[in-house]
């Protein structure tokens, strides 16, 4: 009986040792996979961060270009308004000169008729 029990104990010990070895191997494999996934996650996060940084840089450049264009257009509009005012003033001056010239012409024609 003792020999049978000892034999069973030895067999169970071997079996336990095999299971422990298998579990240790599985644990090593899982740790390796976890490390791979962490590396992949870090790489993906870095790529995502780089992509966001590049997009932000491009957007800021586009915004600056739009601001420059807007400022240029505002300056152009302002100069066009000043030109319109200048032309209105010249038109008024020419209309006044035309009135004076017409009046002078009428007076000359009246004097000629007499």
C-alpha atoms as a PDB file:
ATOM      1  CA  UNK A   1       0.000   0.000   0.000  1.00  0.00           C
ATOM      2  CA  UNK A   2       2.816   2.354   0.926  1.00  0.00           C
ATOM      3  CA  UNK A   3       4.628   1.546  -2.296  1.00  0.00           C
ATOM      4  CA  UNK A   4       1.431   2.183  -4.325  1.00  0.00           C
ATOM      5  CA  UNK A   5       0.841   5.483  -2.540  1.00  0.00           C
ATOM      6  CA  UNK A   6       4.460   6.502  -3.065  1.00  0.00           C
ATOM      7  CA  UNK A   7       4.202   5.578  -6.721  1.00  0.00           C
ATOM      8  CA  UNK A   8       0.995   7.617  -7.082  1.00  0.00           C
ATOM      9  CA  UNK A   9       2.639  10.523  -5.269  1.00  0.00           C
ATOM     10  CA  UNK A  10       5.610  10.400  -7.638  1.00  0.00           C
ATOM     11  CA  UNK A  11       3.314  10.259 -10.648  1.00  0.00           C
ATOM     12  CA  UNK A  12       1.213  13.134  -9.322  1.00  0.00           C
ATOM     13  CA  UNK A  13       4.375  15.136  -8.614  1.00  0.00           C
ATOM     14  CA  UNK A  14       5.549  14.575 -12.200  1.00  0.00           C
ATOM     15  CA  UNK A  15       2.106  15.522 -13.474  1.00  0.00           C
ATOM     16  CA  UNK A  16       2.093  18.663 -11.280  1.00  0.00           C
ATOM     17  CA  UNK A  17       5.583  19.545 -12.489  1.00  0.00           C
ATOM     18  CA  UNK A  18       4.454  19.156 -16.131  1.00  0.00           C
ATOM     19  CA  UNK A  19       1.389  21.340 -15.509  1.00  0.00           C
ATOM     20  CA  UNK A  20       3.541  23.965 -13.756  1.00  0.00           C
ATOM     21  CA  UNK A  21       6.041  23.915 -16.627  1.00  0.00           C
ATOM     22  CA  UNK A  22       3.208  24.258 -19.128  1.00  0.00           C
ATOM     23  CA  UNK A  23       1.694  27.135 -17.154  1.00  0.00           C
ATOM     24  CA  UNK A  24       5.079  28.867 -16.953  1.00  0.00           C
ATOM     25  CA  UNK A  25       5.480  28.480 -20.728  1.00  0.00           C
ATOM     26  CA  UNK A  26       1.983  29.878 -21.299  1.00  0.00           C
ATOM     27  CA  UNK A  27       2.745  32.763 -18.933  1.00  0.00           C
ATOM     28  CA  UNK A  28       5.968  33.559 -20.835  1.00  0.00           C
ATOM     29  CA  UNK A  29       4.053  33.440 -24.140  1.00  0.00           C
ATOM     30  CA  UNK A  30       1.328  35.716 -22.773  1.00  0.00           C
ATOM     31  CA  UNK A  31       3.919  38.177 -21.431  1.00  0.00           C
ATOM     32  CA  UNK A  32       5.622  38.195 -24.839  1.00  0.00           C
ATOM     33  CA  UNK A  33       2.282  38.834 -26.585  1.00  0.00           C
ATOM     34  CA  UNK A  34       1.419  41.596 -24.101  1.00  0.00           C
ATOM     35  CA  UNK A  35       4.797  43.223 -24.758  1.00  0.00           C
ATOM     36  CA  UNK A  36       4.161  43.023 -28.534  1.00  0.00           C
ATOM     37  CA  UNK A  37       0.707  44.584 -28.149  1.00  0.00           C
ATOM     38  CA  UNK A  38       2.123  47.328 -25.934  1.00  0.00           C
ATOM     39  CA  UNK A  39       4.777  48.073 -28.564  1.00  0.00           C
ATOM     40  CA  UNK A  40       2.121  48.152 -31.289  1.00  0.00           C
ATOM     41  CA  UNK A  41      -0.078  50.402 -29.162  1.00  0.00           C
ATOM     42  CA  UNK A  42       2.813  52.785 -28.480  1.00  0.00           C
ATOM     43  CA  UNK A  43       3.658  52.866 -32.185  1.00  0.00           C
ATOM     44  CA  UNK A  44       0.010  53.534 -33.108  1.00  0.00           C
ATOM     45  CA  UNK A  45      -0.211  56.299 -30.485  1.00  0.00           C
ATOM     46  CA  UNK A  46       2.999  57.871 -31.807  1.00  0.00           C
ATOM     47  CA  UNK A  47       1.719  57.729 -35.401  1.00  0.00           C
ATOM     48  CA  UNK A  48      -1.616  59.190 -34.288  1.00  0.00           C
ATOM     49  CA  UNK A  49       0.158  61.984 -32.390  1.00  0.00           C
ATOM     50  CA  UNK A  50       2.424  62.707 -35.364  1.00  0.00           C
ATOM     51  CA  UNK A  51      -0.586  62.781 -37.687  1.00  0.00           C
ATOM     52  CA  UNK A  52      -2.460  65.162 -35.374  1.00  0.00           C
ATOM     53  CA  UNK A  53       0.591  67.400 -35.090  1.00  0.00           C
ATOM     54  CA  UNK A  54       0.988  67.519 -38.871  1.00  0.00           C
ATOM     55  CA  UNK A  55      -2.741  68.207 -39.376  1.00  0.00           C
ATOM     56  CA  UNK A  56      -2.610  70.971 -36.786  1.00  0.00           C
ATOM     57  CA  UNK A  57       0.436  72.515 -38.487  1.00  0.00           C
ATOM     58  CA  UNK A  58      -1.289  72.409 -41.890  1.00  0.00           C
ATOM     59  CA  UNK A  59      -4.489  73.886 -40.467  1.00  0.00           C
ATOM     60  CA  UNK A  60      -2.593  76.708 -38.791  1.00  0.00           C
ATOM     61  CA  UNK A  61      -0.782  77.436 -42.060  1.00  0.00           C
ATOM     62  CA  UNK A  62      -4.117  77.481 -43.935  1.00  0.00           C
ATOM     63  CA  UNK A  63      -5.652  79.757 -41.303  1.00  0.00           C
ATOM     64  CA  UNK A  64      -2.687  82.131 -41.574  1.00  0.00           C
ATOM     65  CA  UNK A  65      -2.959  82.136 -45.371  1.00  0.00           C
ATOM     66  CA  UNK A  66      -6.687  82.898 -45.106  1.00  0.00           C
ATOM     67  CA  UNK A  67      -5.990  85.730 -42.660  1.00  0.00           C
ATOM     68  CA  UNK A  68      -3.405  87.180 -45.016  1.00  0.00           C
ATOM     69  CA  UNK A  69      -5.826  86.939 -47.934  1.00  0.00           C
ATOM     70  CA  UNK A  70      -8.615  88.500 -45.870  1.00  0.00           C
ATOM     71  CA  UNK A  71      -6.344  91.375 -44.834  1.00  0.00           C
ATOM     72  CA  UNK A  72      -5.321  91.870 -48.445  1.00  0.00           C
ATOM     73  CA  UNK A  73      -8.963  91.917 -49.568  1.00  0.00           C
ATOM     74  CA  UNK A  74      -9.897  94.353 -46.798  1.00  0.00           C
ATOM     75  CA  UNK A  75      -7.084  96.641 -47.916  1.00  0.00           C
ATOM     76  CA  UNK A  76      -8.220  96.299 -51.541  1.00  0.00           C
ATOM     77  CA  UNK A  77     -11.853  97.091 -50.595  1.00  0.00           C
ATOM     78  CA  UNK A  78     -10.711 100.097 -48.581  1.00  0.00           C
ATOM     79  CA  UNK A  79      -8.647 101.419 -51.491  1.00  0.00           C
ATOM     80  CA  UNK A  80     -11.572 100.827 -53.871  1.00  0.00           C
ATOM     81  CA  UNK A  81     -13.904 102.789 -51.563  1.00  0.00           C
ATOM     82  CA  UNK A  82     -11.402 105.645 -51.493  1.00  0.00           C
ATOM     83  CA  UNK A  83     -11.161 105.521 -55.289  1.00  0.00           C
ATOM     84  CA  UNK A  84     -14.974 105.596 -55.573  1.00  0.00           C
ATOM     85  CA  UNK A  85     -15.123 108.627 -53.266  1.00  0.00           C
ATOM     86  CA  UNK A  86     -12.392 110.323 -55.291  1.00  0.00           C
ATOM     87  CA  UNK A  87     -14.267 109.601 -58.534  1.00  0.00           C
ATOM     88  CA  UNK A  88     -17.538 110.913 -57.063  1.00  0.00           C
ATOM     89  CA  UNK A  89     -15.744 114.098 -56.073  1.00  0.00           C
ATOM     90  CA  UNK A  90     -14.230 114.456 -59.562  1.00  0.00           C
ATOM     91  CA  UNK A  91     -17.643 113.799 -61.119  1.00  0.00           C
ATOM     92  CA  UNK A  92     -19.152 116.543 -58.967  1.00  0.00           C
ATOM     93  CA  UNK A  93     -16.355 118.923 -59.985  1.00  0.00           C
ATOM     94  CA  UNK A  94     -16.849 118.056 -63.665  1.00  0.00           C
ATOM     95  CA  UNK A  95     -20.637 118.509 -63.371  1.00  0.00           C
ATOM     96  CA  UNK A  96     -20.098 121.927 -61.803  1.00  0.00           C
ATOM     97  CA  UNK A  97     -17.610 122.868 -64.516  1.00  0.00           C
ATOM     98  CA  UNK A  98     -20.066 121.643 -67.143  1.00  0.00           C
ATOM     99  CA  UNK A  99     -22.820 123.796 -65.628  1.00  0.00           C
ATOM    100  CA  UNK A 100     -20.554 126.822 -65.655  1.00  0.00           C
ATOM    101  CA  UNK A 101     -19.501 126.091 -69.237  1.00  0.00           C
ATOM    102  CA  UNK A 102     -23.140 125.651 -70.311  1.00  0.00           C
ATOM    103  CA  UNK A 103     -24.109 128.881 -68.605  1.00  0.00           C
ATOM    104  CA  UNK A 104     -21.217 130.679 -70.276  1.00  0.00           C
ATOM    105  CA  UNK A 105     -22.206 129.164 -73.621  1.00  0.00           C
ATOM    106  CA  UNK A 106     -25.808 130.288 -73.167  1.00  0.00           C
ATOM    107  CA  UNK A 107     -24.668 133.787 -72.295  1.00  0.00           C
ATOM    108  CA  UNK A 108     -22.367 133.870 -75.305  1.00  0.00           C
ATOM    109  CA  UNK A 109     -25.170 132.617 -77.557  1.00  0.00           C
ATOM    110  CA  UNK A 110     -27.519 135.277 -76.149  1.00  0.00           C
ATOM    111  CA  UNK A 111     -24.906 137.954 -76.711  1.00  0.00           C
ATOM    112  CA  UNK A 112     -24.288 136.665 -80.228  1.00  0.00           C
ATOM    113  CA  UNK A 113     -27.975 136.716 -81.034  1.00  0.00           C
ATOM    114  CA  UNK A 114     -28.199 140.405 -79.979  1.00  0.00           C
END
